Amino acid sequence: MEKKEIVFICRGWTRFQETTVRMLSERYNVVPVQYKNIFSVIEILKKIKRRNISISYFADRYAIVPNLIGKMMGHRSCVIVGGHEVENYPEIGHGALSSPLGRAVSHLAIDFADYIIVVSEYLQKKLFEFTPRRKNIFLCSAPNSVDVSFFVPKSEKKEQILCVANILKPHFIRKGMSTYIECARRLPHYNFIWVGKVFKKGDDEFLNTIDIPRNLTILKNISNEELRNIMQETLVYCQLSYMEGFGVALAEAMACECVPVVTARGGMKEVVGDTDIVVPYGDVEATVKAIKYAMEHPELGKRARQRIVEKYSYQKLKDEFLAIMEKIYPP
């Protein structure tokens, strides 16, 4: 039987979009369209004209037109809410709802969509706060799933600490990197690693103004395999963020049996469950103590992996996602 077609619309092409398309492709023919500028709308309209459903990754401006036109043409539309669209943290300059324009864009993209998929309970709560009467909402963390056959532990662990955070000045505060750097300074006998992407030239220039301790290594734009290898040999993983919509790198590190030290804000608490060591955001003293405790209890890493295998494995969440899609658009 010929597969039905789905138009998949996104701005960037990261592991989240790739994972979603890979899952969808098992039941549907996926027609991807990348929004690059306003002229991309023409291509989007051409694609959705001949198909009965579109899925937009993020409730962003590029989701408004296909969702609206879809309603006019009697086609179905779905939006995957991944985080910033329903968040409002003006104190750190994060979240679409922090500005009138961003709030309007989120409203239109969400209101015109027939179905909404949110990737965490935290974001589902934020969505209900934003649009209390919204219906046809599904909870599924599929885009954030972890390949637990790839992210696997190794027998040897080093007394080192890892944090993954893109190297951008706006992320520095949100990801709690000043706390992480100060912890490295206070614990000079441990190796600290900061892994992050630099998206364009100059994004990392702010690092020149920061006093980086000698025991902190910054690795930029490494491969997924290299990151996995570092996680496998790392004992403690820190996610000290002001907030996180979910925390994929955290989940991947847990799958490699890293002991998580987190602020447990936003969706992180869902990821770690009762396997975590929680610290207040920005509290260096508490974080230093937590890292020392984690170093003394490597057995917590096994519990961390077990949680990811049971709740966030690729296979489990793929089945959940495709079951939701069968309700939205039977193959």
Protein backbone atom coordinates (compact mmCIF):
# COMPACT_ATOMS: atom_id res chain seq x y z
CA MET A 1 0.00 0.00 0.00
CA GLU A 2 1.26 3.46 -0.91
CA LYS A 3 2.11 5.61 2.08
CA LYS A 4 0.22 8.83 2.71
CA GLU A 5 2.21 12.04 2.48
CA ILE A 6 2.94 14.56 5.23
CA VAL A 7 4.53 17.97 4.71
CA PHE A 8 7.10 18.60 7.45
CA ILE A 9 8.03 22.27 7.94
CA CYS A 10 10.96 23.52 10.01
CA ARG A 11 13.51 26.32 10.14
CA GLY A 12 16.64 24.46 11.22
CA TRP A 13 17.66 20.86 10.66
CA THR A 14 18.92 19.43 13.96
CA ARG A 15 18.74 16.05 15.66
CA PHE A 16 15.21 16.91 16.89
CA GLN A 17 13.83 17.37 13.37
CA GLU A 18 15.84 14.42 12.05
CA THR A 19 14.49 12.13 14.77
CA THR A 20 10.91 13.23 14.13
CA VAL A 21 11.19 12.68 10.36
CA ARG A 22 12.84 9.29 10.86
CA MET A 23 9.93 8.16 13.04
CA LEU A 24 7.29 9.50 10.66
CA SER A 25 8.98 7.87 7.68
CA GLU A 26 8.13 4.40 9.00
CA ARG A 27 4.43 5.02 8.23
CA TYR A 28 4.33 8.05 5.91
CA ASN A 29 6.09 9.64 2.96
CA VAL A 30 7.55 12.78 4.51
CA VAL A 31 7.96 15.87 2.33
CA PRO A 32 10.38 18.20 4.18
CA VAL A 33 10.37 21.97 3.62
CA GLN A 34 12.92 24.23 5.31
CA TYR A 35 11.89 27.82 6.02
CA LYS A 36 14.80 30.11 5.14
CA ASN A 37 13.11 33.44 4.47
CA ILE A 38 9.76 34.97 3.53
CA PHE A 39 10.04 33.53 0.01
CA SER A 40 9.98 30.03 1.49
CA VAL A 41 6.26 30.54 2.14
CA ILE A 42 5.62 30.10 -1.61
CA GLU A 43 7.29 26.69 -1.57
CA ILE A 44 5.39 25.74 1.59
CA LEU A 45 2.07 26.64 -0.04
CA LYS A 46 2.91 24.61 -3.13
CA LYS A 47 3.70 21.57 -0.99
CA ILE A 48 0.61 21.72 1.23
CA LYS A 49 -1.71 22.34 -1.71
CA ARG A 50 -1.30 18.74 -2.86
CA ARG A 51 -1.22 17.11 0.61
CA ASN A 52 -3.82 16.71 3.33
CA ILE A 53 -1.70 17.49 6.38
CA SER A 54 1.29 19.53 7.47
CA ILE A 55 3.43 19.33 10.61
CA SER A 56 5.37 22.40 11.72
CA TYR A 57 8.24 21.96 14.16
CA PHE A 58 7.85 24.89 16.57
CA ALA A 59 4.90 27.27 16.72
CA ASP A 60 6.89 29.89 14.85
CA ARG A 61 5.93 32.39 12.13
CA TYR A 62 6.42 29.81 9.37
CA ALA A 63 3.62 27.71 10.92
CA ILE A 64 0.98 30.44 10.66
CA VAL A 65 0.39 30.40 6.89
CA PRO A 66 0.18 26.61 6.37
CA ASN A 67 -2.09 26.29 9.41
CA LEU A 68 -4.39 29.09 8.21
CA ILE A 69 -4.44 27.97 4.57
CA GLY A 70 -4.95 24.40 5.72
CA LYS A 71 -8.11 25.43 7.53
CA MET A 72 -9.38 27.22 4.43
CA MET A 73 -8.67 24.19 2.24
CA GLY A 74 -9.99 21.65 4.72
CA HIS A 75 -6.52 20.20 5.35
CA ARG A 76 -5.20 19.19 8.76
CA SER A 77 -2.30 20.87 10.50
CA CYS A 78 -0.19 20.00 13.51
CA VAL A 79 2.40 21.96 15.48
CA ILE A 80 5.11 20.47 17.68
CA VAL A 81 5.75 22.80 20.62
CA GLY A 82 9.38 22.40 21.62
CA GLY A 83 9.95 25.13 24.20
CA HIS A 84 10.43 28.84 23.61
CA GLU A 85 7.00 29.33 21.98
CA VAL A 86 5.18 29.12 25.33
CA GLU A 87 7.90 30.39 27.67
CA ASN A 88 8.22 33.82 29.25
CA TYR A 89 11.46 34.61 31.06
CA PRO A 90 12.20 38.29 30.34
CA GLU A 91 14.73 38.41 33.18
CA ILE A 92 17.08 36.27 31.06
CA GLY A 93 15.78 37.38 27.68
CA HIS A 94 14.25 34.01 26.84
CA GLY A 95 10.87 32.95 25.51
CA ALA A 96 8.60 34.09 22.69
CA LEU A 97 6.07 35.35 25.21
CA SER A 98 8.59 37.90 26.49
CA SER A 99 7.70 40.25 23.63
CA PRO A 100 4.35 41.38 22.13
CA LEU A 101 5.39 40.20 18.65
CA GLY A 102 6.54 36.80 19.89
CA ARG A 103 3.33 36.37 21.87
CA ALA A 104 1.24 37.21 18.81
CA VAL A 105 3.18 34.77 16.60
CA SER A 106 2.78 31.93 19.12
CA HIS A 107 -0.94 32.66 19.47
CA LEU A 108 -1.57 32.59 15.75
CA ALA A 109 0.53 29.49 15.08
CA ILE A 110 -1.12 27.58 17.92
CA ASP A 111 -4.67 28.85 17.44
CA PHE A 112 -4.75 28.01 13.73
CA ALA A 113 -3.35 24.49 14.24
CA ASP A 114 -5.76 21.56 14.46
CA TYR A 115 -3.46 19.52 16.69
CA ILE A 116 -0.64 20.30 19.11
CA ILE A 117 2.10 17.95 20.28
CA VAL A 118 4.17 19.06 23.30
CA VAL A 119 7.44 17.36 24.21
CA SER A 120 7.26 17.58 28.03
CA GLU A 121 4.77 17.88 30.87
CA TYR A 122 6.37 21.20 31.79
CA LEU A 123 5.63 22.60 28.33
CA GLN A 124 2.12 21.17 28.42
CA LYS A 125 1.51 23.12 31.61
CA LYS A 126 2.96 26.27 30.01
CA LEU A 127 0.73 25.75 26.98
CA PHE A 128 -2.40 25.49 29.13
CA GLU A 129 -1.40 28.68 30.96
CA PHE A 130 -1.05 30.40 27.59
CA THR A 131 -4.20 29.00 25.94
CA PRO A 132 -6.39 27.48 28.69
CA ARG A 133 -9.19 26.38 26.33
CA ARG A 134 -6.96 24.75 23.75
CA LYS A 135 -8.03 21.21 22.77
CA ASN A 136 -6.46 18.36 20.75
CA ILE A 137 -3.20 18.47 22.69
CA PHE A 138 -0.97 15.39 22.82
CA LEU A 139 2.00 14.85 25.11
CA CYS A 140 4.92 12.96 23.56
CA SER A 141 8.68 13.43 23.99
CA ALA A 142 9.48 11.60 20.72
CA PRO A 143 11.77 14.31 19.22
CA ASN A 144 13.83 14.18 22.43
CA SER A 145 14.15 10.40 22.54
CA VAL A 146 17.50 8.74 23.21
CA ASP A 147 19.08 5.94 21.20
CA VAL A 148 20.00 3.76 24.18
CA SER A 149 21.87 1.35 21.91
CA PHE A 150 24.23 4.19 20.92
CA PHE A 151 24.44 6.04 24.24
CA VAL A 152 25.69 3.13 26.32
CA PRO A 153 27.98 3.04 29.37
CA LYS A 154 31.56 1.81 29.51
CA SER A 155 33.17 0.12 32.47
CA GLU A 156 35.82 2.78 33.04
CA LYS A 157 34.80 6.21 34.38
CA LYS A 158 37.09 9.16 34.99
CA GLU A 159 36.67 11.67 37.79
CA GLN A 160 35.56 14.36 35.40
CA ILE A 161 32.50 16.57 35.02
CA LEU A 162 30.71 17.45 31.79
CA CYS A 163 28.25 20.13 30.73
CA VAL A 164 26.75 20.57 27.24
CA ALA A 165 25.68 24.09 26.30
CA ASN A 166 25.84 25.93 22.98
CA ILE A 167 28.49 28.63 23.04
CA LEU A 168 26.40 31.77 22.71
CA LYS A 169 26.39 34.77 25.01
CA PRO A 170 22.58 34.60 25.61
CA HIS A 171 22.96 30.94 26.58
CA PHE A 172 25.68 31.69 29.12
CA ILE A 173 23.20 32.93 31.73
CA ARG A 174 20.36 30.56 30.85
CA LYS A 175 22.61 27.51 31.03
CA GLY A 176 24.17 28.55 34.34
CA MET A 177 27.68 28.52 32.91
CA SER A 178 29.09 31.09 35.36
CA THR A 179 28.22 28.65 38.16
CA TYR A 180 29.82 25.77 36.25
CA ILE A 181 33.02 27.72 35.65
CA GLU A 182 33.23 28.78 39.30
CA CYS A 183 32.77 25.16 40.40
CA ALA A 184 35.73 24.21 38.21
CA ARG A 185 37.76 26.92 39.94
CA ARG A 186 36.76 25.61 43.39
CA LEU A 187 37.54 21.99 42.46
CA PRO A 188 40.94 22.20 40.73
CA HIS A 189 41.71 18.48 41.22
CA TYR A 190 38.83 17.49 38.89
CA ASN A 191 38.70 17.88 35.12
CA PHE A 192 35.73 19.86 33.82
CA ILE A 193 34.57 19.80 30.19
CA TRP A 194 32.26 22.21 28.39
CA VAL A 195 30.97 20.94 25.04
CA GLY A 196 29.03 23.29 22.79
CA LYS A 197 28.31 24.39 19.26
CA VAL A 198 29.49 27.67 17.78
CA PHE A 199 26.94 28.45 15.07
CA LYS A 200 28.74 31.30 13.33
CA LYS A 201 32.02 33.16 13.46
CA GLY A 202 32.25 35.52 16.40
CA ASP A 203 29.64 33.81 18.59
CA ASP A 204 32.36 32.62 20.96
CA GLU A 205 34.28 35.89 21.24
CA PHE A 206 32.69 36.62 24.62
CA LEU A 207 34.80 33.79 26.05
CA ASN A 208 37.85 36.06 25.72
CA THR A 209 36.46 38.21 28.54
CA ILE A 210 36.07 35.26 30.94
CA ASP A 211 38.76 33.86 33.19
CA ILE A 212 38.65 30.16 32.31
CA PRO A 213 40.35 27.92 34.92
CA ARG A 214 43.06 25.57 33.70
CA ASN A 215 41.10 22.45 34.61
CA LEU A 216 38.20 23.43 32.32
CA THR A 217 38.42 22.31 28.69
CA ILE A 218 36.08 23.83 26.09
CA LEU A 219 35.33 21.63 23.07
CA LYS A 220 33.56 23.25 20.13
CA ASN A 221 31.53 21.63 17.34
CA ILE A 222 32.50 18.04 18.04
CA SER A 223 30.69 15.10 16.46
CA ASN A 224 27.91 13.12 18.12
CA GLU A 225 30.26 10.15 18.40
CA GLU A 226 32.90 12.26 20.14
CA LEU A 227 30.30 13.58 22.56
CA ARG A 228 29.09 10.05 23.29
CA ASN A 229 32.66 8.92 23.96
CA ILE A 230 33.16 11.76 26.45
CA MET A 231 29.89 10.90 28.19
CA GLN A 232 30.95 7.28 28.46
CA GLU A 233 34.10 8.17 30.39
CA THR A 234 32.54 10.98 32.48
CA LEU A 235 31.28 10.32 35.99
CA VAL A 236 29.21 13.47 36.63
CA TYR A 237 27.00 15.46 34.27
CA CYS A 238 25.89 18.98 35.27
CA GLN A 239 22.90 20.84 33.89
CA LEU A 240 22.74 24.01 35.94
CA SER A 241 20.27 25.91 33.76
CA TYR A 242 17.81 28.62 34.74
CA MET A 243 15.28 26.49 32.87
CA GLU A 244 15.12 23.74 30.25
CA GLY A 245 12.15 22.68 28.16
CA PHE A 246 13.39 19.08 28.44
CA GLY A 247 17.15 18.40 28.53
CA VAL A 248 18.23 16.01 25.76
CA ALA A 249 21.97 16.14 26.48
CA LEU A 250 21.12 15.41 30.10
CA ALA A 251 19.14 12.33 29.05
CA GLU A 252 21.94 11.14 26.77
CA ALA A 253 24.49 11.52 29.56
CA MET A 254 22.25 9.58 31.94
CA ALA A 255 22.01 6.79 29.36
CA CYS A 256 25.83 6.61 29.57
CA GLU A 257 25.52 6.24 33.38
CA CYS A 258 26.64 9.75 34.26
CA VAL A 259 25.38 10.88 37.66
CA PRO A 260 23.17 13.95 37.05
CA VAL A 261 23.58 17.15 39.06
CA VAL A 262 20.79 19.50 37.99
CA THR A 263 18.78 22.54 38.94
CA ALA A 264 15.62 20.54 38.09
CA ARG A 265 13.92 23.55 36.55
CA GLY A 266 11.47 23.30 33.69
CA GLY A 267 11.36 19.86 32.10
CA MET A 268 14.57 18.56 33.70
CA LYS A 269 12.75 17.14 36.71
CA GLU A 270 10.75 14.88 34.39
CA VAL A 271 13.96 13.58 32.84
CA VAL A 272 15.84 12.80 36.05
CA GLY A 273 12.94 11.68 38.27
CA ASP A 274 14.35 10.51 41.61
CA THR A 275 17.81 9.75 40.18
CA ASP A 276 19.07 13.31 40.47
CA ILE A 277 21.07 15.47 42.85
CA VAL A 278 19.29 18.83 42.90
CA VAL A 279 20.90 22.24 43.48
CA PRO A 280 19.47 25.77 43.44
CA TYR A 281 20.18 27.81 40.32
CA GLY A 282 23.29 29.96 40.73
CA ASP A 283 24.32 28.45 44.07
CA VAL A 284 28.01 27.67 43.72
CA GLU A 285 28.50 26.31 47.25
CA ALA A 286 25.61 23.85 46.92
CA THR A 287 26.77 22.77 43.47
CA VAL A 288 30.33 22.11 44.65
CA LYS A 289 28.97 19.93 47.47
CA ALA A 290 26.67 18.13 45.03
CA ILE A 291 29.51 17.35 42.62
CA LYS A 292 31.59 15.94 45.48
CA TYR A 293 28.64 13.79 46.58
CA ALA A 294 28.08 12.55 43.02
CA MET A 295 31.75 11.59 42.75
CA GLU A 296 31.37 9.49 45.88
CA HIS A 297 28.24 7.70 44.59
CA PRO A 298 28.94 6.42 41.05
CA GLU A 299 26.27 3.74 41.54
CA LEU A 300 23.65 6.46 40.94
CA GLY A 301 24.66 6.36 37.28
CA LYS A 302 23.09 2.91 36.85
CA ARG A 303 19.76 4.21 38.17
CA ALA A 304 20.03 7.15 35.80
CA ARG A 305 20.45 4.89 32.77
CA GLN A 306 17.60 2.64 33.86
CA ARG A 307 15.25 5.63 33.95
CA ILE A 308 16.15 6.72 30.41
CA VAL A 309 15.80 3.18 29.05
CA GLU A 310 12.36 2.81 30.66
CA LYS A 311 10.93 6.24 29.80
CA TYR A 312 12.80 7.91 26.95
CA SER A 313 14.22 5.27 24.63
CA TYR A 314 13.81 5.83 20.89
CA GLN A 315 11.75 2.67 20.37
CA LYS A 316 9.32 3.40 23.21
CA LEU A 317 8.69 7.01 22.19
CA LYS A 318 8.51 6.14 18.49
CA ASP A 319 5.64 3.75 19.23
CA GLU A 320 3.89 6.43 21.30
CA PHE A 321 4.37 9.05 18.60
CA LEU A 322 3.08 6.85 15.77
CA ALA A 323 0.05 5.90 17.88
CA ILE A 324 -0.74 9.62 18.22
CA MET A 325 -0.24 10.15 14.49
CA GLU A 326 -2.69 7.33 13.75
CA LYS A 327 -5.34 9.33 15.61
CA ILE A 328 -4.42 12.55 13.81
CA TYR A 329 -3.90 11.11 10.33
CA PRO A 330 -4.45 7.34 9.94
CA PRO A 331 -1.83 5.90 7.53
